[in-house]
Amino acid sequence: MAVKANYETVMVISMKQGEEGIQAIVEKFKALIEKHATLLNVDEWGKRRLAYLINKESEGYYVLMNFESEAEFPAELDRVYKITDGVLRSLIIKKGE
């Protein structure tokens, strides 16, 4: 049996996507995580000011998700973050015991 670990991911979504576009991206990643892992918690922080401009944008929509998965999945999640239009930044960390 594969060993599972707890992970936390934060993504910043472009405000240019509009409200419906943002929700579509959030739902896309919820579904992806639920397909390959156990989604523990979703916390939408909402619109926040960025510390510095990213692609000439000063605000982004922040979403925090906690999940439990096998070690291979976070790399795939990161790959999908990078190729998804509208995701300005993302971070995935493995939570300690």
N, C-alpha and C. Protein backbone atom coordinates (compact mmCIF):
# COMPACT_ATOMS: atom_id res chain seq x y z
N MET A 1 0.84 -1.20 0.00
CA MET A 1 0.00 0.00 0.00
C MET A 1 0.88 1.24 0.00
N ALA A 2 0.50 2.21 -0.80
CA ALA A 2 1.28 3.45 -0.92
C ALA A 2 1.09 4.32 0.32
N VAL A 3 2.15 5.01 0.66
CA VAL A 3 2.12 5.89 1.81
C VAL A 3 1.52 7.23 1.39
N LYS A 4 0.59 7.73 2.19
CA LYS A 4 -0.04 9.02 1.89
C LYS A 4 0.49 10.07 2.86
N ALA A 5 0.54 11.30 2.39
CA ALA A 5 0.99 12.42 3.21
C ALA A 5 0.02 13.58 3.05
N ASN A 6 0.06 14.50 4.00
CA ASN A 6 -0.79 15.69 3.94
C ASN A 6 -0.07 16.82 3.22
N TYR A 7 -0.80 17.50 2.36
CA TYR A 7 -0.25 18.62 1.60
C TYR A 7 -1.17 19.83 1.72
N GLU A 8 -0.57 20.98 1.48
CA GLU A 8 -1.32 22.24 1.48
C GLU A 8 -0.94 22.97 0.20
N THR A 9 -1.91 23.50 -0.50
CA THR A 9 -1.62 24.25 -1.72
C THR A 9 -2.37 25.57 -1.70
N VAL A 10 -1.69 26.60 -2.17
CA VAL A 10 -2.30 27.92 -2.32
C VAL A 10 -2.14 28.32 -3.78
N MET A 11 -3.22 28.82 -4.37
CA MET A 11 -3.11 29.36 -5.73
C MET A 11 -3.67 30.77 -5.75
N VAL A 12 -3.07 31.58 -6.61
CA VAL A 12 -3.53 32.95 -6.82
C VAL A 12 -4.07 33.01 -8.25
N ILE A 13 -5.34 33.35 -8.37
CA ILE A 13 -6.01 33.39 -9.66
C ILE A 13 -6.16 34.84 -10.11
N SER A 14 -5.95 35.06 -11.39
CA SER A 14 -6.06 36.39 -11.98
C SER A 14 -7.48 36.93 -11.84
N MET A 15 -7.60 38.19 -11.45
CA MET A 15 -8.91 38.83 -11.34
C MET A 15 -9.50 39.10 -12.73
N LYS A 16 -8.68 39.03 -13.77
CA LYS A 16 -9.16 39.25 -15.14
C LYS A 16 -10.10 38.13 -15.59
N GLN A 17 -10.11 37.01 -14.87
CA GLN A 17 -10.96 35.87 -15.23
C GLN A 17 -12.44 36.17 -14.97
N GLY A 18 -12.71 37.14 -14.12
CA GLY A 18 -14.09 37.44 -13.76
C GLY A 18 -14.58 36.43 -12.72
N GLU A 19 -15.68 36.74 -12.09
CA GLU A 19 -16.19 35.89 -11.01
C GLU A 19 -16.48 34.46 -11.46
N GLU A 20 -17.11 34.31 -12.63
CA GLU A 20 -17.44 32.97 -13.12
C GLU A 20 -16.20 32.20 -13.52
N GLY A 21 -15.24 32.89 -14.13
CA GLY A 21 -13.99 32.25 -14.52
C GLY A 21 -13.19 31.77 -13.33
N ILE A 22 -13.17 32.59 -12.27
CA ILE A 22 -12.47 32.22 -11.04
C ILE A 22 -13.10 30.97 -10.44
N GLN A 23 -14.43 30.95 -10.33
CA GLN A 23 -15.11 29.78 -9.77
C GLN A 23 -14.89 28.54 -10.62
N ALA A 24 -14.81 28.71 -11.94
CA ALA A 24 -14.55 27.57 -12.82
C ALA A 24 -13.17 26.98 -12.56
N ILE A 25 -12.18 27.85 -12.34
CA ILE A 25 -10.82 27.37 -12.04
C ILE A 25 -10.79 26.68 -10.68
N VAL A 26 -11.45 27.26 -9.68
CA VAL A 26 -11.50 26.64 -8.35
C VAL A 26 -12.14 25.25 -8.45
N GLU A 27 -13.26 25.15 -9.16
CA GLU A 27 -13.95 23.86 -9.31
C GLU A 27 -13.08 22.86 -10.07
N LYS A 28 -12.36 23.34 -11.07
CA LYS A 28 -11.47 22.45 -11.85
C LYS A 28 -10.44 21.81 -10.94
N PHE A 29 -9.81 22.61 -10.08
CA PHE A 29 -8.77 22.06 -9.21
C PHE A 29 -9.35 21.23 -8.07
N LYS A 30 -10.53 21.59 -7.58
CA LYS A 30 -11.20 20.75 -6.57
C LYS A 30 -11.44 19.36 -7.16
N ALA A 31 -11.97 19.32 -8.39
CA ALA A 31 -12.26 18.04 -9.05
C ALA A 31 -10.99 17.24 -9.30
N LEU A 32 -9.91 17.92 -9.72
CA LEU A 32 -8.64 17.24 -9.97
C LEU A 32 -8.10 16.62 -8.69
N ILE A 33 -8.14 17.39 -7.60
CA ILE A 33 -7.63 16.88 -6.32
C ILE A 33 -8.51 15.73 -5.84
N GLU A 34 -9.84 15.87 -5.94
CA GLU A 34 -10.74 14.80 -5.48
C GLU A 34 -10.56 13.52 -6.29
N LYS A 35 -10.17 13.66 -7.56
CA LYS A 35 -9.98 12.49 -8.42
C LYS A 35 -8.73 11.70 -8.01
N HIS A 36 -7.67 12.40 -7.61
CA HIS A 36 -6.39 11.75 -7.33
C HIS A 36 -6.00 11.71 -5.85
N ALA A 37 -6.78 12.36 -5.00
CA ALA A 37 -6.41 12.47 -3.58
C ALA A 37 -7.67 12.64 -2.75
N THR A 38 -7.46 12.82 -1.46
CA THR A 38 -8.57 13.09 -0.55
C THR A 38 -8.54 14.57 -0.19
N LEU A 39 -9.54 15.31 -0.64
CA LEU A 39 -9.62 16.74 -0.36
C LEU A 39 -10.12 16.92 1.06
N LEU A 40 -9.30 17.56 1.91
CA LEU A 40 -9.65 17.71 3.32
C LEU A 40 -10.36 19.03 3.61
N ASN A 41 -9.91 20.11 2.95
CA ASN A 41 -10.44 21.43 3.28
C ASN A 41 -10.20 22.39 2.11
N VAL A 42 -11.17 23.26 1.85
CA VAL A 42 -11.01 24.33 0.86
C VAL A 42 -11.34 25.64 1.56
N ASP A 43 -10.43 26.58 1.53
CA ASP A 43 -10.63 27.87 2.17
C ASP A 43 -10.39 28.96 1.13
N GLU A 44 -11.46 29.59 0.67
CA GLU A 44 -11.32 30.67 -0.31
C GLU A 44 -11.11 31.98 0.44
N TRP A 45 -9.91 32.53 0.33
CA TRP A 45 -9.57 33.77 1.00
C TRP A 45 -10.13 34.97 0.26
N GLY A 46 -10.42 34.79 -1.01
CA GLY A 46 -11.00 35.88 -1.79
C GLY A 46 -9.96 36.81 -2.38
N LYS A 47 -10.43 37.99 -2.75
CA LYS A 47 -9.59 38.98 -3.43
C LYS A 47 -8.65 39.64 -2.43
N ARG A 48 -7.37 39.62 -2.76
CA ARG A 48 -6.35 40.26 -1.92
C ARG A 48 -5.39 41.06 -2.78
N ARG A 49 -4.81 42.05 -2.19
CA ARG A 49 -3.80 42.85 -2.88
C ARG A 49 -2.50 42.05 -2.91
N LEU A 50 -1.84 42.05 -4.08
CA LEU A 50 -0.56 41.35 -4.20
C LEU A 50 0.57 42.22 -3.66
N ALA A 51 1.62 41.58 -3.16
CA ALA A 51 2.77 42.32 -2.62
C ALA A 51 3.52 43.05 -3.74
N TYR A 52 3.47 42.50 -4.93
CA TYR A 52 4.10 43.12 -6.10
C TYR A 52 3.29 42.74 -7.34
N LEU A 53 3.49 43.49 -8.40
CA LEU A 53 2.73 43.22 -9.63
C LEU A 53 3.13 41.88 -10.24
N ILE A 54 2.14 41.11 -10.67
CA ILE A 54 2.37 39.88 -11.42
C ILE A 54 1.60 40.03 -12.72
N ASN A 55 2.29 39.99 -13.84
CA ASN A 55 1.66 40.20 -15.15
C ASN A 55 0.84 41.49 -15.17
N LYS A 56 1.39 42.55 -14.57
CA LYS A 56 0.76 43.88 -14.51
C LYS A 56 -0.55 43.90 -13.72
N GLU A 57 -0.74 42.92 -12.86
CA GLU A 57 -1.93 42.87 -12.01
C GLU A 57 -1.54 43.13 -10.56
N SER A 58 -2.40 43.88 -9.85
CA SER A 58 -2.10 44.23 -8.46
C SER A 58 -2.96 43.45 -7.46
N GLU A 59 -3.98 42.72 -7.96
CA GLU A 59 -4.85 41.94 -7.08
C GLU A 59 -5.01 40.53 -7.62
N GLY A 60 -5.27 39.60 -6.71
CA GLY A 60 -5.50 38.22 -7.11
C GLY A 60 -6.51 37.57 -6.18
N TYR A 61 -7.07 36.45 -6.61
CA TYR A 61 -8.05 35.70 -5.82
C TYR A 61 -7.32 34.49 -5.23
N TYR A 62 -7.24 34.44 -3.90
CA TYR A 62 -6.48 33.40 -3.21
C TYR A 62 -7.37 32.24 -2.79
N VAL A 63 -6.86 31.01 -3.00
CA VAL A 63 -7.57 29.80 -2.57
C VAL A 63 -6.56 28.86 -1.91
N LEU A 64 -6.90 28.38 -0.70
CA LEU A 64 -6.07 27.43 0.03
C LEU A 64 -6.80 26.10 0.07
N MET A 65 -6.09 25.01 -0.26
CA MET A 65 -6.68 23.68 -0.20
C MET A 65 -5.74 22.74 0.54
N ASN A 66 -6.31 21.92 1.41
CA ASN A 66 -5.55 20.88 2.10
C ASN A 66 -6.00 19.54 1.55
N PHE A 67 -5.05 18.65 1.30
CA PHE A 67 -5.40 17.34 0.77
C PHE A 67 -4.40 16.29 1.22
N GLU A 68 -4.81 15.03 1.11
CA GLU A 68 -3.95 13.90 1.45
C GLU A 68 -3.78 13.07 0.19
N SER A 69 -2.53 12.81 -0.19
CA SER A 69 -2.31 12.05 -1.42
C SER A 69 -0.99 11.30 -1.35
N GLU A 70 -0.78 10.48 -2.38
CA GLU A 70 0.50 9.79 -2.53
C GLU A 70 1.52 10.80 -3.07
N ALA A 71 2.78 10.46 -2.97
CA ALA A 71 3.87 11.39 -3.27
C ALA A 71 3.93 11.85 -4.73
N GLU A 72 3.37 11.10 -5.67
CA GLU A 72 3.47 11.45 -7.08
C GLU A 72 2.51 12.57 -7.49
N PHE A 73 1.38 12.69 -6.80
CA PHE A 73 0.34 13.62 -7.24
C PHE A 73 0.72 15.11 -7.19
N PRO A 74 1.42 15.60 -6.15
CA PRO A 74 1.74 17.04 -6.14
C PRO A 74 2.51 17.52 -7.37
N ALA A 75 3.37 16.70 -7.94
CA ALA A 75 4.11 17.09 -9.15
C ALA A 75 3.14 17.26 -10.32
N GLU A 76 2.16 16.37 -10.44
CA GLU A 76 1.15 16.48 -11.50
C GLU A 76 0.28 17.72 -11.28
N LEU A 77 -0.10 17.98 -10.03
CA LEU A 77 -0.91 19.16 -9.71
C LEU A 77 -0.15 20.43 -10.09
N ASP A 78 1.14 20.48 -9.77
CA ASP A 78 1.97 21.63 -10.09
C ASP A 78 2.06 21.83 -11.61
N ARG A 79 2.17 20.74 -12.35
CA ARG A 79 2.24 20.81 -13.81
C ARG A 79 0.95 21.42 -14.38
N VAL A 80 -0.19 21.00 -13.83
CA VAL A 80 -1.48 21.52 -14.31
C VAL A 80 -1.64 22.99 -13.93
N TYR A 81 -1.16 23.37 -12.72
CA TYR A 81 -1.18 24.80 -12.34
C TYR A 81 -0.45 25.63 -13.40
N LYS A 82 0.73 25.17 -13.79
CA LYS A 82 1.58 25.94 -14.70
C LYS A 82 0.97 26.11 -16.09
N ILE A 83 0.16 25.15 -16.55
CA ILE A 83 -0.40 25.25 -17.90
C ILE A 83 -1.83 25.81 -17.92
N THR A 84 -2.36 26.17 -16.76
CA THR A 84 -3.72 26.70 -16.68
C THR A 84 -3.71 28.22 -16.78
N ASP A 85 -4.39 28.74 -17.80
CA ASP A 85 -4.52 30.19 -17.94
C ASP A 85 -5.31 30.73 -16.75
N GLY A 86 -4.85 31.84 -16.20
CA GLY A 86 -5.56 32.45 -15.08
C GLY A 86 -4.92 32.19 -13.74
N VAL A 87 -4.05 31.18 -13.62
CA VAL A 87 -3.36 30.93 -12.36
C VAL A 87 -2.07 31.74 -12.39
N LEU A 88 -2.01 32.78 -11.53
CA LEU A 88 -0.83 33.64 -11.51
C LEU A 88 0.33 32.99 -10.77
N ARG A 89 0.04 32.41 -9.61
CA ARG A 89 1.06 31.77 -8.79
C ARG A 89 0.42 30.59 -8.06
N SER A 90 1.28 29.62 -7.71
CA SER A 90 0.80 28.48 -6.92
C SER A 90 1.96 27.96 -6.08
N LEU A 91 1.61 27.32 -4.99
CA LEU A 91 2.59 26.74 -4.08
C LEU A 91 2.01 25.49 -3.48
N ILE A 92 2.80 24.42 -3.44
CA ILE A 92 2.37 23.18 -2.82
C ILE A 92 3.43 22.81 -1.80
N ILE A 93 3.01 22.59 -0.55
CA ILE A 93 3.96 22.16 0.47
C ILE A 93 3.47 20.90 1.16
N LYS A 94 4.42 20.09 1.59
CA LYS A 94 4.10 18.89 2.35
C LYS A 94 4.08 19.30 3.81
N LYS A 95 2.99 19.02 4.49
CA LYS A 95 2.85 19.42 5.89
C LYS A 95 3.58 18.43 6.78
N GLY A 96 4.19 18.95 7.84
CA GLY A 96 4.91 18.11 8.78
C GLY A 96 3.95 17.32 9.67
N GLU A 97 4.53 16.39 10.36
CA GLU A 97 3.71 15.52 11.24
C GLU A 97 3.18 16.29 12.42
